[in-house]
């Protein structure tokens, strides 16, 4: 806490920035982006202008004009960035982090991108944003333990566990869709990740059988913990939830908190199972 905040000269923000971004947060996010942008070439600039802003490029005929463009490209993007609506700022961050330019130069920018992502999340946390960058997607999650559980599960390297990562990535995408969030199918993908994990570890064809067989494969799990996840799976099969099957009975529509809880819990359980299997 700064001197001016301690003595009441500067107001301390106490409310989360949800569906809004103030100038301080916007400037902090731009500064994080600029640290990376200044190390890139005009190819990234062209990708941003063409594919994000959907604008046309100005053709430069002379070498002098080309050099002038190179010196002005950062200010051009900055000017556009500072005028974006709050939700488009987060669109821009997602676009920037996932740009084809970086994918084609993965090894060259690996450490720099990691640092930029940390800077972005530090800015979001420091300025009380309701959102965080998780696996290159802006998500309405602020708890660091939840973020850690999800990111750890998504970082699985073993090829045989690829279906788990696919389900968790789909769950995160559906949860974080700012225009059309799909909480019901986000939950479905989360529980499917656990089912995939258990079936991969036991070669069984259902979650129930797989949970029962875990002990025989050397993965010892507390009986109550196993029962808890069996009931969690039963919830997704419930006639009123309509998560894994058609809605037959009237029930409560899943909301963001339900989907976030399922994604976090299922990610943590996947991490737990894979760790146990080793």
Protein backbone atom coordinates (compact mmCIF):
# COMPACT_ATOMS: atom_id res chain seq x y z
CA UNK A 1 0.00 0.00 0.00
CA UNK A 2 1.39 3.40 -0.98
CA UNK A 3 1.81 6.45 1.31
CA UNK A 4 -1.18 8.24 -0.22
CA UNK A 5 -3.39 5.16 0.22
CA UNK A 6 -2.34 4.62 3.84
CA UNK A 7 -3.21 8.19 4.75
CA UNK A 8 -6.41 8.42 2.74
CA UNK A 9 -5.23 10.80 0.01
CA UNK A 10 -5.81 8.17 -2.69
CA UNK A 11 -8.90 5.98 -2.72
CA UNK A 12 -8.28 2.22 -2.53
CA UNK A 13 -10.32 0.23 -5.05
CA UNK A 14 -12.55 -2.27 -3.25
CA UNK A 15 -14.93 -3.38 -6.02
CA UNK A 16 -14.00 -5.80 -8.78
CA UNK A 17 -13.83 -4.42 -12.30
CA UNK A 18 -16.53 -6.57 -13.83
CA UNK A 19 -17.76 -5.61 -17.31
CA UNK A 20 -15.52 -2.56 -17.14
CA UNK A 21 -11.88 -1.50 -17.39
CA UNK A 22 -10.60 1.78 -15.97
CA UNK A 23 -7.76 3.77 -17.52
CA UNK A 24 -5.18 2.49 -15.03
CA UNK A 25 -5.90 -1.16 -15.85
CA UNK A 26 -6.09 -0.45 -19.58
CA UNK A 27 -2.70 1.30 -19.49
CA UNK A 28 -1.16 -1.55 -17.46
CA UNK A 29 -2.40 -4.13 -19.95
CA UNK A 30 -1.04 -2.10 -22.86
CA UNK A 31 2.36 -1.79 -21.16
CA UNK A 32 2.49 -5.59 -20.79
CA UNK A 33 1.60 -6.06 -24.46
CA UNK A 34 4.11 -3.44 -25.61
CA UNK A 35 6.98 -5.25 -23.89
CA UNK A 36 6.38 -8.10 -26.31
CA UNK A 37 5.24 -6.08 -29.31
CA UNK A 38 8.48 -4.10 -29.50
CA UNK A 39 10.43 -7.32 -30.14
CA UNK A 40 8.31 -8.35 -33.13
CA UNK A 41 8.24 -7.46 -36.82
CA UNK A 42 5.74 -5.87 -39.21
CA UNK A 43 4.24 -9.32 -39.83
CA UNK A 44 2.54 -9.27 -36.42
CA UNK A 45 1.36 -5.71 -37.05
CA UNK A 46 -0.21 -6.83 -40.33
CA UNK A 47 -1.89 -9.79 -38.62
CA UNK A 48 -3.39 -7.51 -35.95
CA UNK A 49 -4.62 -4.90 -38.45
CA UNK A 50 -6.03 -7.44 -40.92
CA UNK A 51 -7.39 -10.17 -38.65
CA UNK A 52 -8.31 -8.36 -35.43
CA UNK A 53 -9.26 -4.83 -36.52
CA UNK A 54 -10.44 -6.09 -39.94
CA UNK A 55 -8.85 -3.08 -41.60
CA UNK A 56 -6.87 -2.64 -44.81
CA UNK A 57 -3.12 -2.25 -44.99
CA UNK A 58 -1.53 0.84 -46.50
CA UNK A 59 0.98 -0.13 -49.20
CA UNK A 60 4.34 1.59 -48.83
CA UNK A 61 6.19 2.21 -52.12
CA UNK A 62 9.51 3.56 -50.94
CA UNK A 63 12.07 2.34 -48.40
CA UNK A 64 11.65 5.60 -46.49
CA UNK A 65 7.90 5.05 -46.20
CA UNK A 66 8.45 1.47 -45.05
CA UNK A 67 10.84 2.63 -42.31
CA UNK A 68 8.34 5.28 -41.28
CA UNK A 69 5.63 2.62 -41.02
CA UNK A 70 7.88 0.48 -38.83
CA UNK A 71 8.44 3.38 -36.45
CA UNK A 72 4.73 4.23 -36.25
CA UNK A 73 3.15 0.75 -36.07
CA UNK A 74 3.25 0.54 -32.27
CA UNK A 75 1.57 3.91 -31.84
CA UNK A 76 -1.04 2.92 -34.43
CA UNK A 77 -1.97 -0.24 -32.51
CA UNK A 78 -1.81 1.61 -29.18
CA UNK A 79 -4.23 4.30 -30.42
CA UNK A 80 -6.69 1.64 -31.55
CA UNK A 81 -6.25 -0.39 -28.33
CA UNK A 82 -6.98 2.58 -26.06
CA UNK A 83 -10.29 3.21 -27.86
CA UNK A 84 -11.58 -0.37 -27.57
CA UNK A 85 -14.64 -1.25 -25.48
CA UNK A 86 -13.74 -3.14 -22.29
CA UNK A 87 -14.72 -6.52 -23.72
CA UNK A 88 -12.77 -5.89 -26.92
CA UNK A 89 -9.67 -5.22 -24.81
CA UNK A 90 -9.92 -8.79 -23.55
CA UNK A 91 -10.60 -9.99 -27.11
CA UNK A 92 -7.39 -8.23 -28.16
CA UNK A 93 -5.36 -9.87 -25.39
CA UNK A 94 -6.61 -13.32 -26.41
CA UNK A 95 -5.89 -12.58 -30.07
CA UNK A 96 -2.43 -11.24 -29.31
CA UNK A 97 -1.36 -14.17 -27.10
CA UNK A 98 -2.68 -16.69 -29.66
CA UNK A 99 -1.37 -14.90 -32.77
CA UNK A 100 -0.14 -17.07 -35.63
CA UNK A 101 3.04 -14.97 -35.60
CA UNK A 102 4.01 -16.45 -32.21
CA UNK A 103 2.90 -19.98 -33.11
CA UNK A 104 5.30 -19.95 -36.07
CA UNK A 105 8.12 -18.71 -33.81
CA UNK A 106 7.23 -20.74 -30.73
CA UNK A 107 10.75 -21.39 -29.44
CA UNK A 108 11.89 -17.81 -30.07
CA UNK A 109 9.10 -16.19 -28.04
CA UNK A 110 8.39 -18.91 -25.45
CA UNK A 111 10.00 -17.19 -22.46
CA UNK A 112 8.90 -13.70 -23.48
CA UNK A 113 5.26 -14.77 -23.84
CA UNK A 114 5.41 -16.49 -20.46
CA UNK A 115 6.63 -13.25 -18.91
CA UNK A 116 3.93 -11.20 -20.69
CA UNK A 117 1.19 -13.53 -19.47
CA UNK A 118 2.46 -13.12 -15.90
CA UNK A 119 2.50 -9.33 -16.33
CA UNK A 120 -1.08 -9.38 -17.65
CA UNK A 121 -2.35 -11.48 -14.73
CA UNK A 122 -0.43 -9.34 -12.24
CA UNK A 123 -2.11 -6.24 -13.70
CA UNK A 124 -5.54 -7.88 -13.60
CA UNK A 125 -5.01 -8.88 -9.98
CA UNK A 126 -3.49 -5.58 -8.85
CA UNK A 127 -6.26 -3.49 -10.41
CA UNK A 128 -9.09 -5.70 -9.06
CA UNK A 129 -10.26 -7.14 -12.35
CA UNK A 130 -12.84 -9.94 -12.17
CA UNK A 131 -10.92 -11.80 -14.90
CA UNK A 132 -7.68 -13.73 -15.34
CA UNK A 133 -5.72 -15.16 -18.26
CA UNK A 134 -5.93 -18.97 -18.03
CA UNK A 135 -4.45 -21.17 -20.76
CA UNK A 136 -4.44 -18.18 -23.16
CA UNK A 137 -8.14 -17.43 -22.51
CA UNK A 138 -9.61 -14.61 -20.41
CA UNK A 139 -11.84 -16.21 -17.77
CA UNK A 140 -13.91 -14.82 -14.92
CA UNK A 141 -11.83 -16.56 -12.23
CA UNK A 142 -9.87 -14.70 -9.56
CA UNK A 143 -8.87 -17.46 -7.13
CA UNK A 144 -5.22 -18.39 -7.71
CA UNK A 145 -5.74 -21.96 -6.45
CA UNK A 146 -8.53 -22.51 -8.98
CA UNK A 147 -6.38 -21.11 -11.77
CA UNK A 148 -3.44 -23.28 -10.72
CA UNK A 149 -5.55 -26.48 -10.69
CA UNK A 150 -6.93 -25.81 -14.18
CA UNK A 151 -3.60 -24.79 -15.70
CA UNK A 152 -1.84 -27.80 -14.16
CA UNK A 153 -4.40 -30.18 -15.68
CA UNK A 154 -4.12 -28.44 -19.06
CA UNK A 155 -0.33 -28.80 -19.03
CA UNK A 156 -0.45 -32.62 -19.21
CA UNK A 157 2.33 -33.78 -21.54
CA UNK A 158 1.74 -37.55 -21.74
CA UNK A 159 0.17 -38.32 -25.12
CA UNK A 160 -2.20 -40.98 -23.80
CA UNK A 161 -3.92 -38.34 -21.66
CA UNK A 162 -4.64 -36.06 -24.63
CA UNK A 163 -8.44 -36.74 -24.51
CA UNK A 164 -8.50 -35.32 -20.97
CA UNK A 165 -6.88 -32.08 -22.12
CA UNK A 166 -9.32 -31.88 -25.04
CA UNK A 167 -12.32 -32.09 -22.69
CA UNK A 168 -10.90 -29.52 -20.25
CA UNK A 169 -10.02 -27.09 -23.04
CA UNK A 170 -13.60 -27.41 -24.39
CA UNK A 171 -15.00 -26.81 -20.89
CA UNK A 172 -12.86 -23.70 -20.46
CA UNK A 173 -13.88 -22.37 -23.89
CA UNK A 174 -17.60 -22.81 -23.15
CA UNK A 175 -17.25 -21.27 -19.68
CA UNK A 176 -15.32 -18.24 -20.93
CA UNK A 177 -17.43 -17.38 -23.98
CA UNK A 178 -18.33 -13.79 -23.13
CA UNK A 179 -21.19 -13.53 -25.64
CA UNK A 180 -22.76 -17.00 -25.46
CA UNK A 181 -21.52 -18.94 -22.41
CA UNK A 182 -22.60 -22.58 -22.42
CA UNK A 183 -22.52 -23.65 -18.76
CA UNK A 184 -24.43 -26.90 -19.28
CA UNK A 185 -21.96 -28.25 -21.83
CA UNK A 186 -19.01 -26.81 -19.93
CA UNK A 187 -20.01 -29.05 -17.01
CA UNK A 188 -20.44 -31.98 -19.40
CA UNK A 189 -16.91 -31.53 -20.74
CA UNK A 190 -15.48 -31.24 -17.21
CA UNK A 191 -17.01 -34.49 -15.97
CA UNK A 192 -16.05 -36.15 -19.27
CA UNK A 193 -12.42 -35.31 -18.47
CA UNK A 194 -12.66 -37.36 -15.27
CA UNK A 195 -14.39 -40.19 -17.09
CA UNK A 196 -11.67 -40.16 -19.77
CA UNK A 197 -8.93 -40.15 -17.12
CA UNK A 198 -10.40 -43.08 -15.18
CA UNK A 199 -11.06 -45.09 -18.33
CA UNK A 200 -7.52 -44.50 -19.61
CA UNK A 201 -6.06 -45.62 -16.29
CA UNK A 202 -8.23 -48.75 -15.98
CA UNK A 203 -9.28 -49.61 -19.58
CA UNK A 204 -12.91 -49.80 -18.39
CA UNK A 205 -15.77 -48.43 -20.52
CA UNK A 206 -17.73 -46.51 -17.84
CA UNK A 207 -16.76 -44.17 -15.03
CA UNK A 208 -18.53 -46.28 -12.40
CA UNK A 209 -16.59 -49.43 -13.33
CA UNK A 210 -13.38 -47.45 -13.70
CA UNK A 211 -13.68 -45.94 -10.20
CA UNK A 212 -14.19 -49.42 -8.77
CA UNK A 213 -11.17 -50.79 -10.61
CA UNK A 214 -8.74 -48.04 -9.62
CA UNK A 215 -7.66 -49.98 -6.51
CA UNK A 216 -6.77 -53.03 -8.62
CA UNK A 217 -4.49 -50.89 -10.79
CA UNK A 218 -2.58 -49.72 -7.70
CA UNK A 219 -4.30 -46.31 -7.40
CA UNK A 220 -5.54 -46.19 -3.81
CA UNK A 221 -8.29 -43.62 -3.22
CA UNK A 222 -10.25 -42.94 -0.06
CA UNK A 223 -13.68 -44.63 -0.32
CA UNK A 224 -15.59 -41.46 0.60
CA UNK A 225 -13.65 -39.40 -1.92
CA UNK A 226 -14.42 -41.97 -4.60
CA UNK A 227 -18.08 -41.93 -3.58
CA UNK A 228 -18.15 -38.13 -3.74
CA UNK A 229 -17.06 -38.11 -7.38
CA UNK A 230 -19.41 -40.95 -8.17
CA UNK A 231 -22.25 -38.72 -6.88
CA UNK A 232 -20.88 -35.76 -8.83
CA UNK A 233 -21.09 -37.88 -11.96
CA UNK A 234 -24.63 -38.91 -10.97
CA UNK A 235 -25.58 -35.21 -10.81
CA UNK A 236 -24.61 -34.77 -14.45
CA UNK A 237 -26.76 -37.80 -15.35
CA UNK A 238 -29.76 -36.50 -13.41
CA UNK A 239 -32.98 -36.13 -15.43
CA UNK A 240 -33.45 -32.54 -14.27
CA UNK A 241 -29.92 -31.35 -15.06
CA UNK A 242 -29.95 -32.37 -18.73
CA UNK A 243 -26.17 -32.18 -18.78
CA UNK A 244 -25.19 -35.56 -20.20
CA UNK A 245 -28.68 -36.43 -21.49
CA UNK A 246 -31.87 -34.70 -22.58
CA UNK A 247 -33.76 -32.59 -20.01
CA UNK A 248 -36.71 -34.70 -18.86
CA UNK A 249 -37.71 -33.00 -15.61
CA UNK A 250 -37.83 -29.32 -14.73
CA UNK A 251 -34.75 -28.26 -12.80
CA UNK A 252 -32.33 -25.43 -12.11
CA UNK A 253 -30.34 -24.15 -15.08
CA UNK A 254 -26.58 -24.39 -14.36
CA UNK A 255 -24.90 -21.00 -13.91
CA UNK A 256 -21.34 -19.68 -14.03
CA UNK A 257 -20.54 -20.70 -10.45
CA UNK A 258 -21.76 -24.26 -11.08
CA UNK A 259 -19.65 -24.59 -14.23
CA UNK A 260 -16.59 -23.00 -12.63
CA UNK A 261 -16.85 -25.32 -9.62
CA UNK A 262 -17.07 -28.37 -11.88
CA UNK A 263 -14.13 -27.28 -14.04
CA UNK A 264 -11.96 -26.57 -10.99
CA UNK A 265 -12.97 -29.73 -9.12
CA UNK A 266 -12.58 -31.99 -12.13
CA UNK A 267 -9.20 -30.45 -12.99
CA UNK A 268 -8.01 -31.02 -9.42
CA UNK A 269 -9.27 -34.63 -9.45
CA UNK A 270 -7.53 -35.30 -12.78
CA UNK A 271 -4.28 -33.93 -11.31
CA UNK A 272 -4.80 -36.12 -8.24
CA UNK A 273 -5.45 -39.30 -10.25
CA UNK A 274 -2.52 -38.84 -12.61
CA UNK A 275 -0.21 -38.06 -9.70
CA UNK A 276 -1.45 -41.21 -7.90
CA UNK A 277 -0.94 -43.31 -11.02
CA UNK A 278 2.76 -42.36 -11.11
